[in-house]
Amino acid sequence: MSELVHFKASYSAEQISPGGVIYWHCDFTTPPKYKYLLIGCCEPDLLVLMINSEINQYIQRRPELLACQVDVPAMDHSFLQHDSIVSCVDAKDAINLSELKDAVEKSYSDVYKGRLQDYCIRNVIEAVNLSPTMTGRQKKWITGSLISVLPES
């Protein structure tokens, strides 16, 4: 493997880390479509949180679920065209990590979009811990992984 190819593969793999945002075709949505997703953790499983452009009516009518929505202002995240919301109600494990890394290596800018600002990551950690539907194991994995990418304060 040439040095350039090795560097590209290594750099691409590093970007797939907690706090990163990807653009991925989601078979788990109805209908299936491309969505922005927040990487919650990579180990022991890849877990992602959906990023939405609005909060649906079902969640708006349930305060315990509404508390699990995190604002992501477009002005602080250049990869977004408009203000968005990370839904921390549940985590998805429907993406294969090796497949994701391969896709980022082949088409970096089409898949990897950027990283959430630290203040948003902190808000996601709080919202994940409030989720009434996410498993305790998923909460532990996601919060531990996101805390690990934040600067020590």
C-alpha atoms as a PDB file:
ATOM      1  CA  MET A   1       0.000   0.000   0.000  1.00  0.00           C
ATOM      2  CA  SER A   2       1.456   3.382  -0.963  1.00  0.00           C
ATOM      3  CA  GLU A   3       1.999   5.956   1.778  1.00  0.00           C
ATOM      4  CA  LEU A   4      -0.725   8.219   0.374  1.00  0.00           C
ATOM      5  CA  VAL A   5      -3.282   5.398   0.258  1.00  0.00           C
ATOM      6  CA  HIS A   6      -2.303   4.302   3.774  1.00  0.00           C
ATOM      7  CA  PHE A   7      -2.603   7.892   5.061  1.00  0.00           C
ATOM      8  CA  LYS A   8      -6.006   8.337   3.414  1.00  0.00           C
ATOM      9  CA  ALA A   9      -7.325   5.080   4.877  1.00  0.00           C
ATOM     10  CA  SER A  10      -5.972   5.932   8.331  1.00  0.00           C
ATOM     11  CA  TYR A  11      -7.332   9.493   8.242  1.00  0.00           C
ATOM     12  CA  SER A  12     -10.746   8.332   7.026  1.00  0.00           C
ATOM     13  CA  ALA A  13     -11.001   5.730   9.784  1.00  0.00           C
ATOM     14  CA  GLU A  14     -10.132   8.366  12.425  1.00  0.00           C
ATOM     15  CA  GLN A  15     -13.057  10.519  11.305  1.00  0.00           C
ATOM     16  CA  ILE A  16     -15.490   7.734  12.123  1.00  0.00           C
ATOM     17  CA  SER A  17     -15.594   8.506  15.804  1.00  0.00           C
ATOM     18  CA  PRO A  18     -18.125   9.619  18.423  1.00  0.00           C
ATOM     19  CA  GLY A  19     -19.388  13.123  17.762  1.00  0.00           C
ATOM     20  CA  GLY A  20     -18.896  12.809  14.007  1.00  0.00           C
ATOM     21  CA  VAL A  21     -21.761  13.403  11.596  1.00  0.00           C
ATOM     22  CA  ILE A  22     -22.291  11.243   8.524  1.00  0.00           C
ATOM     23  CA  TYR A  23     -24.725  11.341   5.609  1.00  0.00           C
ATOM     24  CA  TRP A  24     -26.003   7.816   5.021  1.00  0.00           C
ATOM     25  CA  HIS A  25     -28.769   5.988   3.201  1.00  0.00           C
ATOM     26  CA  CYS A  26     -31.021   4.652   5.945  1.00  0.00           C
ATOM     27  CA  ASP A  27     -32.993   1.505   5.270  1.00  0.00           C
ATOM     28  CA  PHE A  28     -34.503   1.839   8.752  1.00  0.00           C
ATOM     29  CA  THR A  29     -36.546   4.941   7.913  1.00  0.00           C
ATOM     30  CA  THR A  30     -39.949   4.970   6.231  1.00  0.00           C
ATOM     31  CA  PRO A  31     -39.454   5.546   3.412  1.00  0.00           C
ATOM     32  CA  PRO A  32     -35.735   4.670   3.186  1.00  0.00           C
ATOM     33  CA  LYS A  33     -33.706   7.824   2.498  1.00  0.00           C
ATOM     34  CA  TYR A  34     -30.429   9.641   3.080  1.00  0.00           C
ATOM     35  CA  LYS A  35     -30.156  11.190   6.530  1.00  0.00           C
ATOM     36  CA  TYR A  36     -27.624  12.989   8.652  1.00  0.00           C
ATOM     37  CA  LEU A  37     -26.623  10.777  11.582  1.00  0.00           C
ATOM     38  CA  LEU A  38     -24.580  11.452  14.692  1.00  0.00           C
ATOM     39  CA  ILE A  39     -22.082   8.756  15.625  1.00  0.00           C
ATOM     40  CA  GLY A  40     -22.796   7.963  19.272  1.00  0.00           C
ATOM     41  CA  CYS A  41     -20.242   5.191  19.689  1.00  0.00           C
ATOM     42  CA  CYS A  42     -18.191   2.773  17.610  1.00  0.00           C
ATOM     43  CA  GLU A  43     -17.431   0.128  20.234  1.00  0.00           C
ATOM     44  CA  PRO A  44     -18.627  -2.407  21.115  1.00  0.00           C
ATOM     45  CA  ASP A  45     -21.245  -1.618  18.432  1.00  0.00           C
ATOM     46  CA  LEU A  46     -21.679   1.276  16.038  1.00  0.00           C
ATOM     47  CA  LEU A  47     -24.651   3.259  17.352  1.00  0.00           C
ATOM     48  CA  VAL A  48     -25.996   6.345  15.610  1.00  0.00           C
ATOM     49  CA  LEU A  49     -28.592   8.963  16.493  1.00  0.00           C
ATOM     50  CA  MET A  50     -30.819  10.491  13.835  1.00  0.00           C
ATOM     51  CA  ILE A  51     -30.589  14.166  12.978  1.00  0.00           C
ATOM     52  CA  ASN A  52     -33.899  15.634  11.854  1.00  0.00           C
ATOM     53  CA  SER A  53     -34.999  18.931  10.378  1.00  0.00           C
ATOM     54  CA  GLU A  54     -38.069  19.081  12.625  1.00  0.00           C
ATOM     55  CA  ILE A  55     -39.634  17.340  15.588  1.00  0.00           C
ATOM     56  CA  ASN A  56     -42.596  15.172  14.669  1.00  0.00           C
ATOM     57  CA  GLN A  57     -45.995  15.614  16.290  1.00  0.00           C
ATOM     58  CA  TYR A  58     -45.797  12.338  18.225  1.00  0.00           C
ATOM     59  CA  ILE A  59     -42.680  13.531  20.072  1.00  0.00           C
ATOM     60  CA  GLN A  60     -43.987  17.090  20.485  1.00  0.00           C
ATOM     61  CA  ARG A  61     -46.982  15.740  22.419  1.00  0.00           C
ATOM     62  CA  ARG A  62     -44.821  13.719  24.830  1.00  0.00           C
ATOM     63  CA  PRO A  63     -42.691  15.819  27.220  1.00  0.00           C
ATOM     64  CA  GLU A  64     -40.496  12.834  28.182  1.00  0.00           C
ATOM     65  CA  LEU A  65     -39.514  12.381  24.499  1.00  0.00           C
ATOM     66  CA  LEU A  66     -39.331  16.098  23.741  1.00  0.00           C
ATOM     67  CA  ALA A  67     -36.678  16.394  26.470  1.00  0.00           C
ATOM     68  CA  CYS A  68     -34.522  14.016  24.395  1.00  0.00           C
ATOM     69  CA  GLN A  69     -34.255  16.398  21.413  1.00  0.00           C
ATOM     70  CA  VAL A  70     -31.081  18.476  21.020  1.00  0.00           C
ATOM     71  CA  ASP A  71     -30.912  21.629  18.911  1.00  0.00           C
ATOM     72  CA  VAL A  72     -28.057  21.804  16.410  1.00  0.00           C
ATOM     73  CA  PRO A  73     -27.793  25.356  15.028  1.00  0.00           C
ATOM     74  CA  ALA A  74     -26.676  25.555  11.397  1.00  0.00           C
ATOM     75  CA  MET A  75     -24.667  28.702  12.180  1.00  0.00           C
ATOM     76  CA  ASP A  76     -22.308  26.561  14.320  1.00  0.00           C
ATOM     77  CA  HIS A  77     -22.240  23.576  11.952  1.00  0.00           C
ATOM     78  CA  SER A  78     -21.242  24.492   8.391  1.00  0.00           C
ATOM     79  CA  PHE A  79     -22.308  21.103   6.992  1.00  0.00           C
ATOM     80  CA  LEU A  80     -25.985  21.837   7.759  1.00  0.00           C
ATOM     81  CA  GLN A  81     -28.215  23.922   5.504  1.00  0.00           C
ATOM     82  CA  HIS A  82     -30.679  24.689   8.330  1.00  0.00           C
ATOM     83  CA  ASP A  83     -31.087  24.303  12.069  1.00  0.00           C
ATOM     84  CA  SER A  84     -31.574  20.653  12.982  1.00  0.00           C
ATOM     85  CA  ILE A  85     -32.326  18.399  15.938  1.00  0.00           C
ATOM     86  CA  VAL A  86     -30.570  15.280  17.210  1.00  0.00           C
ATOM     87  CA  SER A  87     -33.134  12.779  18.430  1.00  0.00           C
ATOM     88  CA  CYS A  88     -31.776  11.010  21.505  1.00  0.00           C
ATOM     89  CA  VAL A  89     -34.918   8.940  22.008  1.00  0.00           C
ATOM     90  CA  ASP A  90     -33.327   5.806  20.560  1.00  0.00           C
ATOM     91  CA  ALA A  91     -30.105   4.647  18.951  1.00  0.00           C
ATOM     92  CA  LYS A  92     -29.808   2.730  15.692  1.00  0.00           C
ATOM     93  CA  ASP A  93     -27.377  -0.136  15.184  1.00  0.00           C
ATOM     94  CA  ALA A  94     -28.281  -0.772  11.537  1.00  0.00           C
ATOM     95  CA  ILE A  95     -24.961   0.310   9.993  1.00  0.00           C
ATOM     96  CA  ASN A  96     -21.931  -1.930   9.576  1.00  0.00           C
ATOM     97  CA  LEU A  97     -18.780  -0.140  10.817  1.00  0.00           C
ATOM     98  CA  SER A  98     -16.490  -1.705   8.176  1.00  0.00           C
ATOM     99  CA  GLU A  99     -18.906  -0.719   5.412  1.00  0.00           C
ATOM    100  CA  LEU A 100     -19.045   2.830   6.767  1.00  0.00           C
ATOM    101  CA  LYS A 101     -15.253   3.113   6.942  1.00  0.00           C
ATOM    102  CA  ASP A 102     -14.959   1.828   3.358  1.00  0.00           C
ATOM    103  CA  ALA A 103     -17.538   4.364   2.172  1.00  0.00           C
ATOM    104  CA  VAL A 104     -15.706   7.220   3.916  1.00  0.00           C
ATOM    105  CA  GLU A 105     -12.404   6.120   2.399  1.00  0.00           C
ATOM    106  CA  LYS A 106     -13.906   5.944  -1.116  1.00  0.00           C
ATOM    107  CA  SER A 107     -16.042   9.076  -0.959  1.00  0.00           C
ATOM    108  CA  TYR A 108     -14.980  11.077   2.078  1.00  0.00           C
ATOM    109  CA  SER A 109     -16.861  14.331   1.492  1.00  0.00           C
ATOM    110  CA  ASP A 110     -20.073  12.582   0.429  1.00  0.00           C
ATOM    111  CA  VAL A 111     -20.262  10.563   3.663  1.00  0.00           C
ATOM    112  CA  TYR A 112     -18.381  12.372   6.428  1.00  0.00           C
ATOM    113  CA  LYS A 113     -19.875  15.817   7.055  1.00  0.00           C
ATOM    114  CA  GLY A 114     -18.170  17.127  10.180  1.00  0.00           C
ATOM    115  CA  ARG A 115     -18.323  17.040  13.943  1.00  0.00           C
ATOM    116  CA  LEU A 116     -20.804  18.424  16.420  1.00  0.00           C
ATOM    117  CA  GLN A 117     -19.584  21.313  18.500  1.00  0.00           C
ATOM    118  CA  ASP A 118     -18.605  20.354  22.052  1.00  0.00           C
ATOM    119  CA  TYR A 119     -21.580  22.163  23.603  1.00  0.00           C
ATOM    120  CA  CYS A 120     -23.960  20.124  21.415  1.00  0.00           C
ATOM    121  CA  ILE A 121     -22.180  16.898  22.365  1.00  0.00           C
ATOM    122  CA  ARG A 122     -22.673  17.790  26.036  1.00  0.00           C
ATOM    123  CA  ASN A 123     -26.372  18.407  25.376  1.00  0.00           C
ATOM    124  CA  VAL A 124     -26.631  15.057  23.575  1.00  0.00           C
ATOM    125  CA  ILE A 125     -25.069  13.299  26.586  1.00  0.00           C
ATOM    126  CA  GLU A 126     -27.711  14.858  28.856  1.00  0.00           C
ATOM    127  CA  ALA A 127     -30.551  13.984  26.467  1.00  0.00           C
ATOM    128  CA  VAL A 128     -29.382  10.382  26.031  1.00  0.00           C
ATOM    129  CA  ASN A 129     -29.415   9.950  29.798  1.00  0.00           C
ATOM    130  CA  LEU A 130     -33.049  11.189  29.855  1.00  0.00           C
ATOM    131  CA  SER A 131     -34.251   8.743  27.192  1.00  0.00           C
ATOM    132  CA  PRO A 132     -37.074   6.550  28.498  1.00  0.00           C
ATOM    133  CA  THR A 133     -36.726   4.115  25.577  1.00  0.00           C
ATOM    134  CA  MET A 134     -32.996   3.625  25.054  1.00  0.00           C
ATOM    135  CA  THR A 135     -31.471   0.640  26.851  1.00  0.00           C
ATOM    136  CA  GLY A 136     -29.171   1.232  29.795  1.00  0.00           C
ATOM    137  CA  ARG A 137     -26.355  -0.459  27.888  1.00  0.00           C
ATOM    138  CA  GLN A 138     -26.773   1.854  24.895  1.00  0.00           C
ATOM    139  CA  LYS A 139     -26.862   4.910  27.176  1.00  0.00           C
ATOM    140  CA  LYS A 140     -23.648   3.795  28.872  1.00  0.00           C
ATOM    141  CA  TRP A 141     -21.839   3.131  25.584  1.00  0.00           C
ATOM    142  CA  ILE A 142     -22.930   6.399  23.961  1.00  0.00           C
ATOM    143  CA  THR A 143     -22.340   8.684  26.941  1.00  0.00           C
ATOM    144  CA  GLY A 144     -18.962   7.094  27.699  1.00  0.00           C
ATOM    145  CA  SER A 145     -17.853   7.403  24.071  1.00  0.00           C
ATOM    146  CA  LEU A 146     -19.024  11.003  23.703  1.00  0.00           C
ATOM    147  CA  ILE A 147     -17.452  12.046  27.010  1.00  0.00           C
ATOM    148  CA  SER A 148     -14.148  10.571  25.789  1.00  0.00           C
ATOM    149  CA  VAL A 149     -14.003  12.960  22.794  1.00  0.00           C
ATOM    150  CA  LEU A 150     -14.621  16.102  24.832  1.00  0.00           C
ATOM    151  CA  PRO A 151     -11.720  18.182  26.132  1.00  0.00           C
ATOM    152  CA  GLU A 152     -11.198  17.845  29.859  1.00  0.00           C
ATOM    153  CA  SER A 153     -12.639  20.783  31.716  1.00  0.00           C
END
